[in-house]
Amino acid sequence: MKQGSPLSVWLMTLRSLSGSRPDLIEHYAKEVLNLEPEHREAMYYLVSSYYMMQNFPLLLESCRKALRLFPEEVWPYLNLGHYYFYHCQADCYYYALQVYRYVLTRCPYGYNAKRAMRQIAEIYLINWEPAKAVSWLERALALDPEDAEYRSRLAL
């Protein structure tokens, strides 16, 4: 990729926006994908932007596309689990649970595993199974013992 090209500028912009301004992330990710329709990083940012904006129809659509393009990646599955968890609510918790467990078979350690474990714990809390929830939160915390959010969640 040539430095100063639109593609390189848009990717630098995406990286600098990571975690904020999902509307701009969506815009620049689409610009990159217009030039390179199978650009992995741009697709990741696009999926993330839809999750941050809670645009569930586009989240589902982009997850499906990412899964077709990048079946070896874990992040589309994790976001698909988020779709089932946050959008469908009680009707889809079973599906979310299955997806999060699948994420753990592919990625038992690290950030994505920790997020999947947290979501599994939340599903068990919602379903009035606190012992299972605590077990999953403890497993997530074991991956990152300094995580203040998970420590406080476990204390509740």
Protein backbone atom coordinates (compact mmCIF):
# COMPACT_ATOMS: atom_id res chain seq x y z
CA MET A 1 0.00 0.00 0.00
CA LYS A 2 1.42 3.33 -1.05
CA GLN A 3 1.89 5.87 1.75
CA GLY A 4 -0.41 8.84 1.23
CA SER A 5 -2.83 6.89 -0.92
CA PRO A 6 -6.53 7.20 -0.03
CA LEU A 7 -6.48 3.63 1.28
CA SER A 8 -3.56 4.25 3.65
CA VAL A 9 -5.06 7.55 4.86
CA TRP A 10 -8.46 5.94 5.51
CA LEU A 11 -6.84 3.06 7.39
CA MET A 12 -4.81 5.45 9.56
CA THR A 13 -8.01 7.38 10.25
CA LEU A 14 -9.83 4.17 11.20
CA ARG A 15 -7.09 3.17 13.61
CA SER A 16 -7.10 6.59 15.23
CA LEU A 17 -10.88 6.50 15.68
CA SER A 18 -10.95 3.04 17.21
CA GLY A 19 -13.44 2.99 20.08
CA SER A 20 -14.97 6.39 19.33
CA ARG A 21 -17.17 8.02 16.68
CA PRO A 22 -18.75 4.89 15.21
CA ASP A 23 -20.41 7.01 12.54
CA LEU A 24 -17.01 8.04 11.18
CA ILE A 25 -15.64 4.53 11.60
CA GLU A 26 -18.50 3.24 9.46
CA HIS A 27 -17.85 5.91 6.82
CA TYR A 28 -14.10 5.26 6.50
CA ALA A 29 -14.48 1.49 6.68
CA LYS A 30 -16.91 1.67 3.76
CA GLU A 31 -14.44 3.84 1.84
CA VAL A 32 -11.73 1.21 2.29
CA LEU A 33 -14.14 -1.60 1.39
CA ASN A 34 -15.14 0.26 -1.78
CA LEU A 35 -11.50 0.03 -2.88
CA GLU A 36 -10.82 -3.44 -1.45
CA PRO A 37 -14.07 -5.34 -0.79
CA GLU A 38 -12.31 -8.10 1.15
CA HIS A 39 -10.13 -5.91 3.36
CA ARG A 40 -10.08 -7.72 6.71
CA GLU A 41 -9.28 -4.75 8.95
CA ALA A 42 -11.87 -2.49 7.32
CA MET A 43 -14.52 -5.20 7.71
CA TYR A 44 -13.58 -5.55 11.38
CA TYR A 45 -14.06 -1.81 11.88
CA LEU A 46 -17.35 -1.83 9.98
CA VAL A 47 -18.73 -4.65 12.14
CA SER A 48 -17.49 -2.87 15.27
CA SER A 49 -19.14 0.39 14.22
CA TYR A 50 -22.51 -1.29 13.84
CA TYR A 51 -22.13 -2.91 17.25
CA MET A 52 -21.21 0.44 18.85
CA MET A 53 -24.18 2.16 17.16
CA GLN A 54 -26.44 -0.76 18.08
CA ASN A 55 -27.53 -0.97 14.46
CA PHE A 56 -28.54 -4.61 14.76
CA PRO A 57 -29.81 -5.27 11.22
CA LEU A 58 -26.52 -4.01 9.75
CA LEU A 59 -24.54 -5.78 12.48
CA LEU A 60 -26.12 -9.09 11.49
CA GLU A 61 -25.60 -8.43 7.78
CA SER A 62 -21.95 -7.43 8.23
CA CYS A 63 -21.25 -10.39 10.55
CA ARG A 64 -22.62 -12.78 7.95
CA LYS A 65 -20.46 -11.20 5.27
CA ALA A 66 -17.38 -11.28 7.51
CA LEU A 67 -18.02 -14.95 8.30
CA ARG A 68 -18.17 -15.75 4.58
CA LEU A 69 -14.98 -13.80 3.87
CA PHE A 70 -13.00 -14.66 7.01
CA PRO A 71 -14.28 -17.93 8.51
CA GLU A 72 -11.00 -18.43 10.36
CA GLU A 73 -11.41 -15.20 12.35
CA VAL A 74 -13.00 -15.15 15.82
CA TRP A 75 -14.28 -11.55 15.91
CA PRO A 76 -17.22 -12.08 13.53
CA TYR A 77 -18.48 -14.90 15.75
CA LEU A 78 -18.10 -12.80 18.88
CA ASN A 79 -20.10 -9.99 17.28
CA LEU A 80 -22.72 -12.45 16.07
CA GLY A 81 -23.07 -13.54 19.69
CA HIS A 82 -23.53 -9.88 20.65
CA TYR A 83 -26.26 -9.59 18.01
CA TYR A 84 -28.14 -12.53 19.53
CA PHE A 85 -27.57 -11.31 23.09
CA TYR A 86 -28.44 -7.64 22.70
CA HIS A 87 -30.96 -7.61 19.90
CA CYS A 88 -33.03 -10.74 20.24
CA GLN A 89 -33.09 -10.83 24.03
CA ALA A 90 -34.70 -13.90 25.63
CA ASP A 91 -35.64 -15.51 22.33
CA CYS A 92 -32.01 -15.84 21.31
CA TYR A 93 -29.98 -16.29 24.49
CA TYR A 94 -29.56 -19.95 23.61
CA TYR A 95 -28.04 -18.98 20.25
CA ALA A 96 -25.80 -16.38 21.87
CA LEU A 97 -24.60 -18.98 24.37
CA GLN A 98 -23.76 -21.41 21.58
CA VAL A 99 -21.84 -18.76 19.62
CA TYR A 100 -19.88 -17.60 22.68
CA ARG A 101 -18.95 -21.21 23.49
CA TYR A 102 -17.81 -21.66 19.92
CA VAL A 103 -15.61 -18.58 20.27
CA LEU A 104 -13.99 -20.23 23.29
CA THR A 105 -13.22 -23.39 21.31
CA ARG A 106 -11.42 -21.25 18.74
CA CYS A 107 -9.83 -18.80 21.17
CA PRO A 108 -9.62 -20.01 24.79
CA TYR A 109 -7.37 -17.14 25.94
CA GLY A 110 -7.08 -13.41 25.43
CA TYR A 111 -9.43 -10.50 24.98
CA ASN A 112 -12.06 -12.26 22.84
CA ALA A 113 -12.21 -15.21 25.24
CA LYS A 114 -12.62 -12.85 28.19
CA ARG A 115 -15.49 -11.06 26.46
CA ALA A 116 -17.18 -14.34 25.54
CA MET A 117 -16.89 -15.57 29.14
CA ARG A 118 -18.37 -12.32 30.42
CA GLN A 119 -21.33 -12.64 28.08
CA ILE A 120 -21.88 -16.27 29.08
CA ALA A 121 -21.92 -15.16 32.71
CA GLU A 122 -24.50 -12.49 31.86
CA ILE A 123 -26.73 -15.07 30.18
CA TYR A 124 -26.59 -17.24 33.28
CA LEU A 125 -27.41 -14.25 35.50
CA ILE A 126 -30.39 -13.40 33.34
CA ASN A 127 -31.57 -17.01 33.56
CA TRP A 128 -31.30 -17.04 37.36
CA GLU A 129 -28.29 -19.33 37.51
CA PRO A 130 -25.91 -17.30 39.69
CA ALA A 131 -23.51 -20.15 40.51
CA LYS A 132 -22.80 -20.69 36.81
CA ALA A 133 -22.50 -16.95 36.28
CA VAL A 134 -19.94 -16.61 39.06
CA SER A 135 -17.96 -19.53 37.66
CA TRP A 136 -17.76 -17.88 34.23
CA LEU A 137 -16.86 -14.49 35.68
CA GLU A 138 -14.07 -16.11 37.70
CA ARG A 139 -12.75 -17.77 34.54
CA ALA A 140 -12.82 -14.44 32.72
CA LEU A 141 -11.08 -12.72 35.60
CA ALA A 142 -8.39 -15.42 35.63
CA LEU A 143 -7.45 -14.30 32.12
CA ASP A 144 -6.96 -10.73 33.29
CA PRO A 145 -6.82 -10.47 37.12
CA GLU A 146 -6.40 -6.70 37.01
CA ASP A 147 -9.63 -6.02 35.12
CA ALA A 148 -11.51 -3.67 37.45
CA GLU A 149 -14.85 -4.04 35.67
CA TYR A 150 -14.83 -7.82 36.01
CA ARG A 151 -13.62 -7.66 39.62
CA SER A 152 -16.46 -5.31 40.55
CA ARG A 153 -19.01 -7.38 38.61
CA LEU A 154 -17.90 -10.46 40.53
CA ALA A 155 -18.22 -8.59 43.83
CA LEU A 156 -21.90 -7.88 43.10
